Amino acid sequence: MDAADNAQIEIEREQERQLANLKQEDVQESLECIECGADIPEERRKAVKTNLCIGCAELREIQRRQFRR
């Protein structure tokens, strides 16, 4: 294994962690974001049980990180 292999493994692990954080068990799925009203793409709805668009989900994650400290 070289540095590129190790980097790819770390990228995949981080992606898995991010997907796990996005999945919410008690979420009522929606076609539109509950925060801003934007359409949630079908691909996102299939991949993640969510009611937030990508932008609002990212904003929530940033806020969570800031308030954990």
N, C-alpha and C. Protein backbone atom coordinates (compact mmCIF):
# COMPACT_ATOMS: atom_id res chain seq x y z
N MET A 1 0.84 -1.19 0.00
CA MET A 1 0.00 0.00 0.00
C MET A 1 0.88 1.24 0.00
N ASP A 2 0.49 2.20 -0.79
CA ASP A 2 1.25 3.45 -0.81
C ASP A 2 0.40 4.59 -0.25
N ALA A 3 0.92 5.79 -0.29
CA ALA A 3 0.23 6.95 0.28
C ALA A 3 -1.11 7.21 -0.40
N ALA A 4 -1.18 6.98 -1.71
CA ALA A 4 -2.44 7.20 -2.44
C ALA A 4 -3.51 6.22 -1.98
N ASP A 5 -3.13 4.96 -1.74
CA ASP A 5 -4.08 3.97 -1.24
C ASP A 5 -4.60 4.36 0.14
N ASN A 6 -3.68 4.77 1.00
CA ASN A 6 -4.09 5.19 2.35
C ASN A 6 -5.01 6.40 2.30
N ALA A 7 -4.71 7.33 1.43
CA ALA A 7 -5.56 8.52 1.29
C ALA A 7 -6.95 8.13 0.81
N GLN A 8 -7.03 7.22 -0.15
CA GLN A 8 -8.33 6.78 -0.67
C GLN A 8 -9.14 6.08 0.41
N ILE A 9 -8.49 5.27 1.21
CA ILE A 9 -9.19 4.59 2.31
C ILE A 9 -9.74 5.62 3.29
N GLU A 10 -8.94 6.62 3.63
CA GLU A 10 -9.41 7.66 4.56
C GLU A 10 -10.56 8.46 3.98
N ILE A 11 -10.51 8.76 2.69
CA ILE A 11 -11.61 9.47 2.02
C ILE A 11 -12.90 8.65 2.11
N GLU A 12 -12.81 7.37 1.82
CA GLU A 12 -13.98 6.50 1.88
C GLU A 12 -14.55 6.41 3.29
N ARG A 13 -13.68 6.33 4.27
CA ARG A 13 -14.14 6.29 5.67
C ARG A 13 -14.87 7.58 6.05
N GLU A 14 -14.30 8.71 5.64
CA GLU A 14 -14.93 10.00 5.94
C GLU A 14 -16.29 10.11 5.26
N GLN A 15 -16.39 9.66 4.03
CA GLN A 15 -17.68 9.68 3.33
C GLN A 15 -18.70 8.82 4.05
N GLU A 16 -18.30 7.66 4.53
CA GLU A 16 -19.20 6.78 5.28
C GLU A 16 -19.66 7.46 6.57
N ARG A 17 -18.73 8.13 7.26
CA ARG A 17 -19.10 8.84 8.50
C ARG A 17 -20.10 9.96 8.20
N GLN A 18 -19.86 10.69 7.12
CA GLN A 18 -20.76 11.78 6.77
C GLN A 18 -22.14 11.26 6.41
N LEU A 19 -22.22 10.18 5.66
CA LEU A 19 -23.51 9.60 5.32
C LEU A 19 -24.24 9.11 6.58
N ALA A 20 -23.50 8.50 7.48
CA ALA A 20 -24.11 8.03 8.73
C ALA A 20 -24.66 9.20 9.53
N ASN A 21 -23.96 10.32 9.54
CA ASN A 21 -24.43 11.51 10.26
C ASN A 21 -25.68 12.11 9.63
N LEU A 22 -25.79 11.98 8.31
CA LEU A 22 -26.95 12.55 7.62
C LEU A 22 -28.21 11.72 7.80
N LYS A 23 -28.04 10.42 7.99
CA LYS A 23 -29.20 9.56 8.12
C LYS A 23 -29.86 9.81 9.47
N GLN A 24 -31.13 10.07 9.43
CA GLN A 24 -31.89 10.35 10.64
C GLN A 24 -33.07 9.39 10.68
N GLU A 25 -33.17 8.62 11.74
CA GLU A 25 -34.19 7.59 11.84
C GLU A 25 -35.61 8.14 11.96
N ASP A 26 -35.80 9.21 12.70
CA ASP A 26 -37.14 9.72 12.97
C ASP A 26 -37.54 10.85 12.04
N VAL A 27 -37.11 10.80 10.80
CA VAL A 27 -37.36 11.88 9.85
C VAL A 27 -38.52 11.51 8.93
N GLN A 28 -39.43 12.43 8.77
CA GLN A 28 -40.50 12.30 7.79
C GLN A 28 -39.93 12.75 6.46
N GLU A 29 -39.74 11.82 5.54
CA GLU A 29 -39.17 12.18 4.25
C GLU A 29 -40.05 13.19 3.53
N SER A 30 -39.40 14.04 2.72
CA SER A 30 -40.12 15.12 2.06
C SER A 30 -39.51 15.37 0.69
N LEU A 31 -40.33 15.86 -0.23
CA LEU A 31 -39.84 16.24 -1.56
C LEU A 31 -39.18 17.61 -1.52
N GLU A 32 -39.53 18.41 -0.51
CA GLU A 32 -38.99 19.75 -0.35
C GLU A 32 -38.30 19.89 1.00
N CYS A 33 -37.28 20.71 1.03
CA CYS A 33 -36.53 20.98 2.26
C CYS A 33 -37.43 21.70 3.26
N ILE A 34 -37.41 21.22 4.50
CA ILE A 34 -38.24 21.86 5.53
C ILE A 34 -37.67 23.19 5.99
N GLU A 35 -36.40 23.45 5.68
CA GLU A 35 -35.77 24.71 6.07
C GLU A 35 -35.99 25.81 5.05
N CYS A 36 -35.72 25.52 3.77
CA CYS A 36 -35.73 26.58 2.76
C CYS A 36 -36.76 26.36 1.64
N GLY A 37 -37.37 25.19 1.59
CA GLY A 37 -38.38 24.92 0.57
C GLY A 37 -37.84 24.46 -0.77
N ALA A 38 -36.52 24.32 -0.90
CA ALA A 38 -35.93 23.86 -2.16
C ALA A 38 -36.27 22.39 -2.39
N ASP A 39 -36.34 22.02 -3.66
CA ASP A 39 -36.58 20.61 -4.00
C ASP A 39 -35.39 19.77 -3.54
N ILE A 40 -35.69 18.57 -3.04
CA ILE A 40 -34.65 17.62 -2.68
C ILE A 40 -34.54 16.63 -3.84
N PRO A 41 -33.37 16.55 -4.47
CA PRO A 41 -33.21 15.67 -5.63
C PRO A 41 -33.54 14.21 -5.29
N GLU A 42 -34.11 13.52 -6.25
CA GLU A 42 -34.50 12.12 -6.06
C GLU A 42 -33.31 11.26 -5.63
N GLU A 43 -32.15 11.50 -6.21
CA GLU A 43 -30.96 10.72 -5.86
C GLU A 43 -30.63 10.87 -4.38
N ARG A 44 -30.78 12.08 -3.86
CA ARG A 44 -30.51 12.32 -2.44
C ARG A 44 -31.54 11.61 -1.58
N ARG A 45 -32.80 11.69 -1.98
CA ARG A 45 -33.85 11.03 -1.20
C ARG A 45 -33.66 9.52 -1.17
N LYS A 46 -33.15 8.94 -2.26
CA LYS A 46 -32.90 7.51 -2.30
C LYS A 46 -31.71 7.12 -1.42
N ALA A 47 -30.69 7.97 -1.41
CA ALA A 47 -29.46 7.66 -0.67
C ALA A 47 -29.60 7.90 0.83
N VAL A 48 -30.35 8.94 1.19
CA VAL A 48 -30.44 9.35 2.59
C VAL A 48 -31.89 9.67 2.94
N LYS A 49 -32.36 9.09 4.04
CA LYS A 49 -33.71 9.42 4.52
C LYS A 49 -33.63 10.81 5.14
N THR A 50 -34.13 11.81 4.42
CA THR A 50 -33.94 13.20 4.86
C THR A 50 -35.10 14.09 4.47
N ASN A 51 -35.18 15.24 5.10
CA ASN A 51 -36.13 16.28 4.73
C ASN A 51 -35.40 17.62 4.58
N LEU A 52 -34.07 17.54 4.38
CA LEU A 52 -33.24 18.73 4.20
C LEU A 52 -32.51 18.65 2.86
N CYS A 53 -32.40 19.80 2.18
CA CYS A 53 -31.58 19.85 0.97
C CYS A 53 -30.11 19.77 1.38
N ILE A 54 -29.25 19.62 0.42
CA ILE A 54 -27.82 19.49 0.72
C ILE A 54 -27.28 20.72 1.44
N GLY A 55 -27.66 21.91 0.96
CA GLY A 55 -27.17 23.14 1.58
C GLY A 55 -27.57 23.27 3.04
N CYS A 56 -28.83 23.01 3.33
CA CYS A 56 -29.30 23.13 4.72
C CYS A 56 -28.70 22.03 5.60
N ALA A 57 -28.51 20.83 5.05
CA ALA A 57 -27.88 19.76 5.82
C ALA A 57 -26.44 20.12 6.16
N GLU A 58 -25.73 20.70 5.20
CA GLU A 58 -24.35 21.13 5.46
C GLU A 58 -24.31 22.23 6.50
N LEU A 59 -25.24 23.17 6.43
CA LEU A 59 -25.29 24.24 7.41
C LEU A 59 -25.54 23.69 8.81
N ARG A 60 -26.46 22.75 8.94
CA ARG A 60 -26.72 22.14 10.24
C ARG A 60 -25.48 21.44 10.79
N GLU A 61 -24.76 20.73 9.90
CA GLU A 61 -23.56 20.04 10.34
C GLU A 61 -22.51 21.03 10.82
N ILE A 62 -22.34 22.13 10.13
CA ILE A 62 -21.39 23.16 10.57
C ILE A 62 -21.80 23.71 11.93
N GLN A 63 -23.09 23.97 12.11
CA GLN A 63 -23.57 24.49 13.39
C GLN A 63 -23.35 23.47 14.50
N ARG A 64 -23.59 22.20 14.24
CA ARG A 64 -23.36 21.16 15.24
C ARG A 64 -21.91 21.13 15.68
N ARG A 65 -21.02 21.21 14.69
CA ARG A 65 -19.59 21.18 15.01
C ARG A 65 -19.18 22.37 15.87
N GLN A 66 -19.73 23.54 15.57
CA GLN A 66 -19.37 24.73 16.32
C GLN A 66 -19.88 24.67 17.75
N PHE A 67 -21.06 24.11 17.95
CA PHE A 67 -21.64 24.12 19.29
C PHE A 67 -21.22 22.92 20.13
N ARG A 68 -20.51 21.96 19.56
CA ARG A 68 -20.01 20.82 20.33
C ARG A 68 -18.86 21.19 21.22
N ARG A 69 -18.15 22.23 20.87
CA ARG A 69 -16.94 22.62 21.60
C ARG A 69 -17.21 23.13 22.94
